[in-house]
Amino acid sequence: MPILPPNRPAKRESKKINQETVTPIRKTIPDSELREFIGKVPKLLKIDSVNVNNDKWRINVWTEEFKDERIIPTYAIVKSFFVKYEDGVIYDETIKPSPKPTNVFK
């Protein structure tokens, strides 16, 4: 008697789905408006603005500092804002940190 291969299920035909090309909408806050909002920052490296919601933005201000004891520079975020950008105006919605309670029993 001949040995037959085990029954295998028939191959399914794969359906090709034509994917649409999606072009992301890249909104930005103009550099001049960012610089006016931030003000003068010593040792400024860059200002990042990232859209986190429709009209809400996170703005981070980066600095670069060269120190004597280091070979490479130190980078730091010195200011960070959560803002609303609407009709060419930046509204600061950053939650201010609450004051730290003082220990009255010292």
PDB file of N, CA and C in Angstrom:
ATOM      1  N   MET A   1       0.819  -1.173   0.000  1.00  0.00           N
ATOM      2  CA  MET A   1       0.000   0.000   0.000  1.00  0.00           C
ATOM      3  C   MET A   1       0.875   1.253   0.000  1.00  0.00           C
ATOM      4  N   PRO A   2       0.539   2.231  -0.803  1.00  0.00           N
ATOM      5  CA  PRO A   2       1.346   3.455  -0.825  1.00  0.00           C
ATOM      6  C   PRO A   2       1.053   4.335   0.391  1.00  0.00           C
ATOM      7  N   ILE A   3       2.055   5.056   0.847  1.00  0.00           N
ATOM      8  CA  ILE A   3       1.886   5.973   1.988  1.00  0.00           C
ATOM      9  C   ILE A   3       1.476   7.336   1.425  1.00  0.00           C
ATOM     10  N   LEU A   4       0.327   7.819   1.934  1.00  0.00           N
ATOM     11  CA  LEU A   4      -0.193   9.097   1.455  1.00  0.00           C
ATOM     12  C   LEU A   4       0.143  10.212   2.445  1.00  0.00           C
ATOM     13  N   PRO A   5       0.392  11.413   1.978  1.00  0.00           N
ATOM     14  CA  PRO A   5       0.668  12.532   2.892  1.00  0.00           C
ATOM     15  C   PRO A   5      -0.604  12.886   3.679  1.00  0.00           C
ATOM     16  N   PRO A   6      -0.443  13.443   4.860  1.00  0.00           N
ATOM     17  CA  PRO A   6      -1.623  13.792   5.652  1.00  0.00           C
ATOM     18  C   PRO A   6      -2.447  14.865   4.941  1.00  0.00           C
ATOM     19  N   ASN A   7      -3.714  14.857   5.260  1.00  0.00           N
ATOM     20  CA  ASN A   7      -4.611  15.840   4.639  1.00  0.00           C
ATOM     21  C   ASN A   7      -4.253  17.237   5.135  1.00  0.00           C
ATOM     22  N   ARG A   8      -4.038  18.121   4.227  1.00  0.00           N
ATOM     23  CA  ARG A   8      -3.725  19.497   4.572  1.00  0.00           C
ATOM     24  C   ARG A   8      -4.874  20.382   4.085  1.00  0.00           C
ATOM     25  N   PRO A   9      -5.173  21.425   4.878  1.00  0.00           N
ATOM     26  CA  PRO A   9      -6.253  22.306   4.426  1.00  0.00           C
ATOM     27  C   PRO A   9      -5.812  23.087   3.187  1.00  0.00           C
ATOM     28  N   ALA A  10      -6.774  23.413   2.385  1.00  0.00           N
ATOM     29  CA  ALA A  10      -6.472  24.148   1.160  1.00  0.00           C
ATOM     30  C   ALA A  10      -5.964  25.541   1.518  1.00  0.00           C
ATOM     31  N   LYS A  11      -5.061  26.051   0.709  1.00  0.00           N
ATOM     32  CA  LYS A  11      -4.534  27.386   0.960  1.00  0.00           C
ATOM     33  C   LYS A  11      -5.614  28.420   0.692  1.00  0.00           C
ATOM     34  N   ARG A  12      -5.679  29.386   1.611  1.00  0.00           N
ATOM     35  CA  ARG A  12      -6.655  30.462   1.438  1.00  0.00           C
ATOM     36  C   ARG A  12      -6.077  31.503   0.495  1.00  0.00           C
ATOM     37  N   GLU A  13      -6.940  32.060  -0.285  1.00  0.00           N
ATOM     38  CA  GLU A  13      -6.491  33.127  -1.162  1.00  0.00           C
ATOM     39  C   GLU A  13      -6.419  34.411  -0.343  1.00  0.00           C
ATOM     40  N   SER A  14      -5.299  35.060  -0.394  1.00  0.00           N
ATOM     41  CA  SER A  14      -5.169  36.312   0.347  1.00  0.00           C
ATOM     42  C   SER A  14      -5.742  37.449  -0.479  1.00  0.00           C
ATOM     43  N   LYS A  15      -6.474  38.298   0.213  1.00  0.00           N
ATOM     44  CA  LYS A  15      -7.063  39.448  -0.457  1.00  0.00           C
ATOM     45  C   LYS A  15      -6.127  40.630  -0.286  1.00  0.00           C
ATOM     46  N   LYS A  16      -5.816  41.252  -1.361  1.00  0.00           N
ATOM     47  CA  LYS A  16      -4.956  42.435  -1.290  1.00  0.00           C
ATOM     48  C   LYS A  16      -5.827  43.638  -0.995  1.00  0.00           C
ATOM     49  N   ILE A  17      -5.391  44.376   0.031  1.00  0.00           N
ATOM     50  CA  ILE A  17      -6.096  45.597   0.395  1.00  0.00           C
ATOM     51  C   ILE A  17      -5.235  46.765  -0.051  1.00  0.00           C
ATOM     52  N   ASN A  18      -5.800  47.603  -0.838  1.00  0.00           N
ATOM     53  CA  ASN A  18      -5.066  48.777  -1.296  1.00  0.00           C
ATOM     54  C   ASN A  18      -5.116  49.828  -0.198  1.00  0.00           C
ATOM     55  N   GLN A  19      -3.958  50.127   0.364  1.00  0.00           N
ATOM     56  CA  GLN A  19      -3.889  51.121   1.430  1.00  0.00           C
ATOM     57  C   GLN A  19      -3.746  52.498   0.810  1.00  0.00           C
ATOM     58  N   GLU A  20      -4.497  53.444   1.403  1.00  0.00           N
ATOM     59  CA  GLU A  20      -4.407  54.815   0.937  1.00  0.00           C
ATOM     60  C   GLU A  20      -3.156  55.462   1.509  1.00  0.00           C
ATOM     61  N   THR A  21      -2.564  56.315   0.754  1.00  0.00           N
ATOM     62  CA  THR A  21      -1.408  57.067   1.234  1.00  0.00           C
ATOM     63  C   THR A  21      -1.916  58.199   2.108  1.00  0.00           C
ATOM     64  N   VAL A  22      -1.424  58.244   3.331  1.00  0.00           N
ATOM     65  CA  VAL A  22      -1.854  59.272   4.273  1.00  0.00           C
ATOM     66  C   VAL A  22      -0.732  60.277   4.427  1.00  0.00           C
ATOM     67  N   THR A  23      -1.051  61.511   4.188  1.00  0.00           N
ATOM     68  CA  THR A  23      -0.084  62.583   4.360  1.00  0.00           C
ATOM     69  C   THR A  23      -0.387  63.271   5.678  1.00  0.00           C
ATOM     70  N   PRO A  24       0.515  63.170   6.662  1.00  0.00           N
ATOM     71  CA  PRO A  24       0.240  63.802   7.945  1.00  0.00           C
ATOM     72  C   PRO A  24       0.230  65.324   7.824  1.00  0.00           C
ATOM     73  N   ILE A  25      -0.662  65.935   8.583  1.00  0.00           N
ATOM     74  CA  ILE A  25      -0.724  67.387   8.616  1.00  0.00           C
ATOM     75  C   ILE A  25       0.246  67.839   9.689  1.00  0.00           C
ATOM     76  N   ARG A  26       1.226  68.594   9.302  1.00  0.00           N
ATOM     77  CA  ARG A  26       2.250  69.046  10.245  1.00  0.00           C
ATOM     78  C   ARG A  26       2.005  70.511  10.557  1.00  0.00           C
ATOM     79  N   LYS A  27       1.456  70.741  11.734  1.00  0.00           N
ATOM     80  CA  LYS A  27       1.235  72.107  12.171  1.00  0.00           C
ATOM     81  C   LYS A  27       2.427  72.527  13.023  1.00  0.00           C
ATOM     82  N   THR A  28       2.790  73.772  12.929  1.00  0.00           N
ATOM     83  CA  THR A  28       3.882  74.278  13.741  1.00  0.00           C
ATOM     84  C   THR A  28       3.534  75.671  14.249  1.00  0.00           C
ATOM     85  N   ILE A  29       4.200  76.042  15.329  1.00  0.00           N
ATOM     86  CA  ILE A  29       4.124  77.411  15.820  1.00  0.00           C
ATOM     87  C   ILE A  29       5.299  78.140  15.188  1.00  0.00           C
ATOM     88  N   PRO A  30       5.068  79.277  14.547  1.00  0.00           N
ATOM     89  CA  PRO A  30       6.186  79.992  13.911  1.00  0.00           C
ATOM     90  C   PRO A  30       7.297  80.325  14.907  1.00  0.00           C
ATOM     91  N   ASP A  31       8.534  80.255  14.429  1.00  0.00           N
ATOM     92  CA  ASP A  31       9.702  80.473  15.266  1.00  0.00           C
ATOM     93  C   ASP A  31       9.700  81.857  15.914  1.00  0.00           C
ATOM     94  N   SER A  32       9.257  82.853  15.178  1.00  0.00           N
ATOM     95  CA  SER A  32       9.245  84.216  15.724  1.00  0.00           C
ATOM     96  C   SER A  32       8.295  84.324  16.919  1.00  0.00           C
ATOM     97  N   GLU A  33       7.158  83.651  16.845  1.00  0.00           N
ATOM     98  CA  GLU A  33       6.205  83.673  17.960  1.00  0.00           C
ATOM     99  C   GLU A  33       6.738  82.892  19.157  1.00  0.00           C
ATOM    100  N   LEU A  34       7.440  81.789  18.906  1.00  0.00           N
ATOM    101  CA  LEU A  34       8.043  81.019  19.995  1.00  0.00           C
ATOM    102  C   LEU A  34       9.089  81.860  20.721  1.00  0.00           C
ATOM    103  N   ARG A  35       9.949  82.512  19.965  1.00  0.00           N
ATOM    104  CA  ARG A  35      11.006  83.324  20.577  1.00  0.00           C
ATOM    105  C   ARG A  35      10.431  84.500  21.368  1.00  0.00           C
ATOM    106  N   GLU A  36       9.353  85.093  20.875  1.00  0.00           N
ATOM    107  CA  GLU A  36       8.712  86.188  21.600  1.00  0.00           C
ATOM    108  C   GLU A  36       8.092  85.687  22.902  1.00  0.00           C
ATOM    109  N   PHE A  37       7.474  84.498  22.875  1.00  0.00           N
ATOM    110  CA  PHE A  37       6.845  83.921  24.061  1.00  0.00           C
ATOM    111  C   PHE A  37       7.889  83.522  25.107  1.00  0.00           C
ATOM    112  N   ILE A  38       8.973  82.899  24.673  1.00  0.00           N
ATOM    113  CA  ILE A  38      10.007  82.398  25.581  1.00  0.00           C
ATOM    114  C   ILE A  38      10.831  83.534  26.176  1.00  0.00           C
ATOM    115  N   GLY A  39      11.167  84.509  25.367  1.00  0.00           N
ATOM    116  CA  GLY A  39      12.023  85.591  25.841  1.00  0.00           C
ATOM    117  C   GLY A  39      13.484  85.237  25.650  1.00  0.00           C
ATOM    118  N   LYS A  40      14.356  86.019  26.271  1.00  0.00           N
ATOM    119  CA  LYS A  40      15.800  85.808  26.119  1.00  0.00           C
ATOM    120  C   LYS A  40      16.260  84.693  27.055  1.00  0.00           C
ATOM    121  N   VAL A  41      16.969  83.724  26.497  1.00  0.00           N
ATOM    122  CA  VAL A  41      17.507  82.595  27.266  1.00  0.00           C
ATOM    123  C   VAL A  41      18.996  82.504  26.979  1.00  0.00           C
ATOM    124  N   PRO A  42      19.843  82.623  28.018  1.00  0.00           N
ATOM    125  CA  PRO A  42      21.280  82.488  27.779  1.00  0.00           C
ATOM    126  C   PRO A  42      21.648  81.053  27.391  1.00  0.00           C
ATOM    127  N   LYS A  43      22.596  80.932  26.476  1.00  0.00           N
ATOM    128  CA  LYS A  43      23.112  79.635  26.013  1.00  0.00           C
ATOM    129  C   LYS A  43      22.027  78.775  25.365  1.00  0.00           C
ATOM    130  N   LEU A  44      21.101  79.411  24.671  1.00  0.00           N
ATOM    131  CA  LEU A  44      19.994  78.710  24.021  1.00  0.00           C
ATOM    132  C   LEU A  44      20.516  77.776  22.937  1.00  0.00           C
ATOM    133  N   LEU A  45      20.061  76.515  22.962  1.00  0.00           N
ATOM    134  CA  LEU A  45      20.410  75.547  21.931  1.00  0.00           C
ATOM    135  C   LEU A  45      19.271  75.434  20.922  1.00  0.00           C
ATOM    136  N   LYS A  46      18.058  75.141  21.429  1.00  0.00           N
ATOM    137  CA  LYS A  46      16.910  75.021  20.536  1.00  0.00           C
ATOM    138  C   LYS A  46      15.616  75.135  21.329  1.00  0.00           C
ATOM    139  N   ILE A  47      14.534  75.381  20.612  1.00  0.00           N
ATOM    140  CA  ILE A  47      13.191  75.421  21.190  1.00  0.00           C
ATOM    141  C   ILE A  47      12.375  74.365  20.459  1.00  0.00           C
ATOM    142  N   ASP A  48      11.894  73.366  21.193  1.00  0.00           N
ATOM    143  CA  ASP A  48      11.047  72.319  20.624  1.00  0.00           C
ATOM    144  C   ASP A  48       9.592  72.667  20.871  1.00  0.00           C
ATOM    145  N   SER A  49       8.762  72.505  19.854  1.00  0.00           N
ATOM    146  CA  SER A  49       7.321  72.636  20.046  1.00  0.00           C
ATOM    147  C   SER A  49       6.670  71.402  19.422  1.00  0.00           C
ATOM    148  N   VAL A  50       5.933  70.655  20.254  1.00  0.00           N
ATOM    149  CA  VAL A  50       5.323  69.407  19.816  1.00  0.00           C
ATOM    150  C   VAL A  50       3.823  69.499  20.034  1.00  0.00           C
ATOM    151  N   ASN A  51       3.067  69.213  18.994  1.00  0.00           N
ATOM    152  CA  ASN A  51       1.615  69.223  19.090  1.00  0.00           C
ATOM    153  C   ASN A  51       1.158  67.965  19.811  1.00  0.00           C
ATOM    154  N   VAL A  52       0.496  68.134  20.969  1.00  0.00           N
ATOM    155  CA  VAL A  52       0.053  66.982  21.755  1.00  0.00           C
ATOM    156  C   VAL A  52      -1.451  66.761  21.673  1.00  0.00           C
ATOM    157  N   ASN A  53      -2.172  67.731  21.172  1.00  0.00           N
ATOM    158  CA  ASN A  53      -3.606  67.626  20.974  1.00  0.00           C
ATOM    159  C   ASN A  53      -3.955  68.667  19.924  1.00  0.00           C
ATOM    160  N   ASN A  54      -5.190  68.775  19.553  1.00  0.00           N
ATOM    161  CA  ASN A  54      -5.568  69.671  18.454  1.00  0.00           C
ATOM    162  C   ASN A  54      -4.895  71.035  18.526  1.00  0.00           C
ATOM    163  N   ASP A  55      -5.112  71.756  19.594  1.00  0.00           N
ATOM    164  CA  ASP A  55      -4.530  73.092  19.709  1.00  0.00           C
ATOM    165  C   ASP A  55      -3.651  73.217  20.944  1.00  0.00           C
ATOM    166  N   LYS A  56      -3.253  72.110  21.544  1.00  0.00           N
ATOM    167  CA  LYS A  56      -2.387  72.093  22.731  1.00  0.00           C
ATOM    168  C   LYS A  56      -0.976  71.703  22.315  1.00  0.00           C
ATOM    169  N   TRP A  57      -0.004  72.369  22.910  1.00  0.00           N
ATOM    170  CA  TRP A  57       1.396  72.178  22.538  1.00  0.00           C
ATOM    171  C   TRP A  57       2.274  72.045  23.776  1.00  0.00           C
ATOM    172  N   ARG A  58       3.352  71.303  23.660  1.00  0.00           N
ATOM    173  CA  ARG A  58       4.402  71.231  24.676  1.00  0.00           C
ATOM    174  C   ARG A  58       5.602  71.954  24.097  1.00  0.00           C
ATOM    175  N   ILE A  59       6.089  72.963  24.805  1.00  0.00           N
ATOM    176  CA  ILE A  59       7.257  73.721  24.367  1.00  0.00           C
ATOM    177  C   ILE A  59       8.377  73.465  25.364  1.00  0.00           C
ATOM    178  N   ASN A  60       9.512  72.983  24.880  1.00  0.00           N
ATOM    179  CA  ASN A  60      10.697  72.756  25.708  1.00  0.00           C
ATOM    180  C   ASN A  60      11.826  73.652  25.210  1.00  0.00           C
ATOM    181  N   VAL A  61      12.498  74.294  26.152  1.00  0.00           N
ATOM    182  CA  VAL A  61      13.609  75.189  25.831  1.00  0.00           C
ATOM    183  C   VAL A  61      14.895  74.504  26.277  1.00  0.00           C
ATOM    184  N   TRP A  62      15.783  74.232  25.327  1.00  0.00           N
ATOM    185  CA  TRP A  62      17.034  73.515  25.570  1.00  0.00           C
ATOM    186  C   TRP A  62      18.209  74.481  25.594  1.00  0.00           C
ATOM    187  N   THR A  63      19.145  74.225  26.500  1.00  0.00           N
ATOM    188  CA  THR A  63      20.385  75.005  26.531  1.00  0.00           C
ATOM    189  C   THR A  63      21.578  74.067  26.407  1.00  0.00           C
ATOM    190  N   GLU A  64      22.700  74.640  26.002  1.00  0.00           N
ATOM    191  CA  GLU A  64      23.955  73.899  25.865  1.00  0.00           C
ATOM    192  C   GLU A  64      25.012  74.671  26.638  1.00  0.00           C
ATOM    193  N   GLU A  65      25.675  73.981  27.555  1.00  0.00           N
ATOM    194  CA  GLU A  65      26.675  74.643  28.381  1.00  0.00           C
ATOM    195  C   GLU A  65      27.974  73.849  28.358  1.00  0.00           C
ATOM    196  N   PHE A  66      29.055  74.550  28.112  1.00  0.00           N
ATOM    197  CA  PHE A  66      30.380  73.935  28.149  1.00  0.00           C
ATOM    198  C   PHE A  66      31.001  74.253  29.500  1.00  0.00           C
ATOM    199  N   LYS A  67      31.424  73.223  30.212  1.00  0.00           N
ATOM    200  CA  LYS A  67      32.061  73.405  31.513  1.00  0.00           C
ATOM    201  C   LYS A  67      33.534  73.057  31.398  1.00  0.00           C
ATOM    202  N   ASP A  68      34.346  73.680  32.269  1.00  0.00           N
ATOM    203  CA  ASP A  68      35.797  73.487  32.200  1.00  0.00           C
ATOM    204  C   ASP A  68      36.210  72.031  32.404  1.00  0.00           C
ATOM    205  N   GLU A  69      35.553  71.344  33.315  1.00  0.00           N
ATOM    206  CA  GLU A  69      35.987  69.988  33.657  1.00  0.00           C
ATOM    207  C   GLU A  69      35.443  68.921  32.701  1.00  0.00           C
ATOM    208  N   ARG A  70      34.652  69.317  31.717  1.00  0.00           N
ATOM    209  CA  ARG A  70      34.077  68.338  30.794  1.00  0.00           C
ATOM    210  C   ARG A  70      34.568  68.543  29.377  1.00  0.00           C
ATOM    211  N   ILE A  71      34.584  67.444  28.633  1.00  0.00           N
ATOM    212  CA  ILE A  71      34.998  67.498  27.240  1.00  0.00           C
ATOM    213  C   ILE A  71      33.803  67.796  26.340  1.00  0.00           C
ATOM    214  N   ILE A  72      32.657  67.242  26.710  1.00  0.00           N
ATOM    215  CA  ILE A  72      31.454  67.441  25.909  1.00  0.00           C
ATOM    216  C   ILE A  72      30.506  68.401  26.633  1.00  0.00           C
ATOM    217  N   PRO A  73      29.608  69.047  25.895  1.00  0.00           N
ATOM    218  CA  PRO A  73      28.706  70.003  26.534  1.00  0.00           C
ATOM    219  C   PRO A  73      27.609  69.302  27.342  1.00  0.00           C
ATOM    220  N   THR A  74      27.006  70.058  28.245  1.00  0.00           N
ATOM    221  CA  THR A  74      25.874  69.584  29.031  1.00  0.00           C
ATOM    222  C   THR A  74      24.609  70.188  28.435  1.00  0.00           C
ATOM    223  N   TYR A  75      23.610  69.347  28.190  1.00  0.00           N
ATOM    224  CA  TYR A  75      22.336  69.796  27.637  1.00  0.00           C
ATOM    225  C   TYR A  75      21.281  69.720  28.719  1.00  0.00           C
ATOM    226  N   ALA A  76      20.378  70.701  28.747  1.00  0.00           N
ATOM    227  CA  ALA A  76      19.335  70.703  29.766  1.00  0.00           C
ATOM    228  C   ALA A  76      18.099  71.415  29.238  1.00  0.00           C
ATOM    229  N   ILE A  77      16.937  70.960  29.711  1.00  0.00           N
ATOM    230  CA  ILE A  77      15.687  71.671  29.457  1.00  0.00           C
ATOM    231  C   ILE A  77      15.534  72.652  30.604  1.00  0.00           C
ATOM    232  N   VAL A  78      15.618  73.943  30.303  1.00  0.00           N
ATOM    233  CA  VAL A  78      15.573  74.949  31.363  1.00  0.00           C
ATOM    234  C   VAL A  78      14.173  75.528  31.555  1.00  0.00           C
ATOM    235  N   LYS A  79      13.341  75.429  30.535  1.00  0.00           N
ATOM    236  CA  LYS A  79      11.960  75.876  30.633  1.00  0.00           C
ATOM    237  C   LYS A  79      11.084  74.895  29.875  1.00  0.00           C
ATOM    238  N   SER A  80       9.882  74.663  30.400  1.00  0.00           N
ATOM    239  CA  SER A  80       8.940  73.781  29.737  1.00  0.00           C
ATOM    240  C   SER A  80       7.541  74.354  29.937  1.00  0.00           C
ATOM    241  N   PHE A  81       6.775  74.407  28.860  1.00  0.00           N
ATOM    242  CA  PHE A  81       5.447  75.002  28.913  1.00  0.00           C
ATOM    243  C   PHE A  81       4.426  74.084  28.254  1.00  0.00           C
ATOM    244  N   PHE A  82       3.193  74.115  28.766  1.00  0.00           N
ATOM    245  CA  PHE A  82       2.052  73.487  28.119  1.00  0.00           C
ATOM    246  C   PHE A  82       1.169  74.641  27.689  1.00  0.00           C
ATOM    247  N   VAL A  83       0.986  74.803  26.382  1.00  0.00           N
ATOM    248  CA  VAL A  83       0.306  75.990  25.881  1.00  0.00           C
ATOM    249  C   VAL A  83      -0.819  75.631  24.918  1.00  0.00           C
ATOM    250  N   LYS A  84      -1.663  76.621  24.697  1.00  0.00           N
ATOM    251  CA  LYS A  84      -2.703  76.537  23.680  1.00  0.00           C
ATOM    252  C   LYS A  84      -2.336  77.563  22.616  1.00  0.00           C
ATOM    253  N   TYR A  85      -2.316  77.135  21.355  1.00  0.00           N
ATOM    254  CA  TYR A  85      -1.983  78.022  20.245  1.00  0.00           C
ATOM    255  C   TYR A  85      -3.221  78.170  19.382  1.00  0.00           C
ATOM    256  N   GLU A  86      -3.729  79.389  19.336  1.00  0.00           N
ATOM    257  CA  GLU A  86      -4.972  79.610  18.615  1.00  0.00           C
ATOM    258  C   GLU A  86      -4.934  80.986  17.954  1.00  0.00           C
ATOM    259  N   ASP A  87      -5.219  81.022  16.687  1.00  0.00           N
ATOM    260  CA  ASP A  87      -5.293  82.269  15.921  1.00  0.00           C
ATOM    261  C   ASP A  87      -4.024  83.110  16.055  1.00  0.00           C
ATOM    262  N   GLY A  88      -2.863  82.455  16.069  1.00  0.00           N
ATOM    263  CA  GLY A  88      -1.603  83.168  16.122  1.00  0.00           C
ATOM    264  C   GLY A  88      -1.220  83.684  17.498  1.00  0.00           C
ATOM    265  N   VAL A  89      -1.936  83.240  18.542  1.00  0.00           N
ATOM    266  CA  VAL A  89      -1.651  83.676  19.905  1.00  0.00           C
ATOM    267  C   VAL A  89      -1.334  82.450  20.754  1.00  0.00           C
ATOM    268  N   ILE A  90      -0.286  82.563  21.594  1.00  0.00           N
ATOM    269  CA  ILE A  90       0.109  81.478  22.494  1.00  0.00           C
ATOM    270  C   ILE A  90      -0.439  81.793  23.887  1.00  0.00           C
ATOM    271  N   TYR A  91      -1.264  80.877  24.425  1.00  0.00           N
ATOM    272  CA  TYR A  91      -1.821  81.008  25.773  1.00  0.00           C
ATOM    273  C   TYR A  91      -1.130  79.994  26.682  1.00  0.00           C
ATOM    274  N   ASP A  92      -0.510  80.458  27.752  1.00  0.00           N
ATOM    275  CA  ASP A  92       0.200  79.577  28.678  1.00  0.00           C
ATOM    276  C   ASP A  92      -0.815  78.876  29.581  1.00  0.00           C
ATOM    277  N   GLU A  93      -0.846  77.535  29.523  1.00  0.00           N
ATOM    278  CA  GLU A  93      -1.733  76.735  30.367  1.00  0.00           C
ATOM    279  C   GLU A  93      -0.932  75.814  31.278  1.00  0.00           C
ATOM    280  N   THR A  94       0.322  76.162  31.509  1.00  0.00           N
ATOM    281  CA  THR A  94       1.184  75.364  32.372  1.00  0.00           C
ATOM    282  C   THR A  94       0.658  75.413  33.798  1.00  0.00           C
ATOM    283  N   ILE A  95       0.560  74.258  34.435  1.00  0.00           N
ATOM    284  CA  ILE A  95       0.132  74.197  35.834  1.00  0.00           C
ATOM    285  C   ILE A  95       1.315  74.612  36.689  1.00  0.00           C
ATOM    286  N   LYS A  96       1.123  75.635  37.464  1.00  0.00           N
ATOM    287  CA  LYS A  96       2.198  76.129  38.327  1.00  0.00           C
ATOM    288  C   LYS A  96       2.388  75.156  39.487  1.00  0.00           C
ATOM    289  N   PRO A  97       3.628  74.879  39.891  1.00  0.00           N
ATOM    290  CA  PRO A  97       3.851  73.971  41.017  1.00  0.00           C
ATOM    291  C   PRO A  97       3.329  74.597  42.309  1.00  0.00           C
ATOM    292  N   SER A  98       2.735  73.761  43.144  1.00  0.00           N
ATOM    293  CA  SER A  98       2.213  74.271  44.405  1.00  0.00           C
ATOM    294  C   SER A  98       3.381  74.542  45.366  1.00  0.00           C
ATOM    295  N   PRO A  99       3.241  75.547  46.209  1.00  0.00           N
ATOM    296  CA  PRO A  99       4.347  75.841  47.142  1.00  0.00           C
ATOM    297  C   PRO A  99       4.549  74.690  48.114  1.00  0.00           C
ATOM    298  N   LYS A 100       5.808  74.432  48.428  1.00  0.00           N
ATOM    299  CA  LYS A 100       6.118  73.352  49.348  1.00  0.00           C
ATOM    300  C   LYS A 100       5.771  73.809  50.771  1.00  0.00           C
ATOM    301  N   PRO A 101       5.075  72.959  51.510  1.00  0.00           N
ATOM    302  CA  PRO A 101       4.727  73.356  52.892  1.00  0.00           C
ATOM    303  C   PRO A 101       5.977  73.443  53.762  1.00  0.00           C
ATOM    304  N   THR A 102       5.982  74.406  54.624  1.00  0.00           N
ATOM    305  CA  THR A 102       7.115  74.529  55.545  1.00  0.00           C
ATOM    306  C   THR A 102       6.813  73.759  56.800  1.00  0.00           C
ATOM    307  N   ASN A 103       7.840  73.219  57.367  1.00  0.00           N
ATOM    308  CA  ASN A 103       7.676  72.441  58.586  1.00  0.00           C
ATOM    309  C   ASN A 103       7.640  73.410  59.767  1.00  0.00           C
ATOM    310  N   VAL A 104       6.488  73.527  60.400  1.00  0.00           N
ATOM    311  CA  VAL A 104       6.331  74.476  61.501  1.00  0.00           C
ATOM    312  C   VAL A 104       6.866  73.920  62.804  1.00  0.00           C
ATOM    313  N   PHE A 105       7.179  72.641  62.850  1.00  0.00           N
ATOM    314  CA  PHE A 105       7.635  72.016  64.095  1.00  0.00           C
ATOM    315  C   PHE A 105       9.150  71.963  64.220  1.00  0.00           C
ATOM    316  N   LYS A 106       9.882  72.586  63.339  1.00  0.00           N
ATOM    317  CA  LYS A 106      11.344  72.563  63.417  1.00  0.00           C
ATOM    318  C   LYS A 106      11.842  73.530  64.413  1.00  0.00           C
TER     319      LYS A 106
END
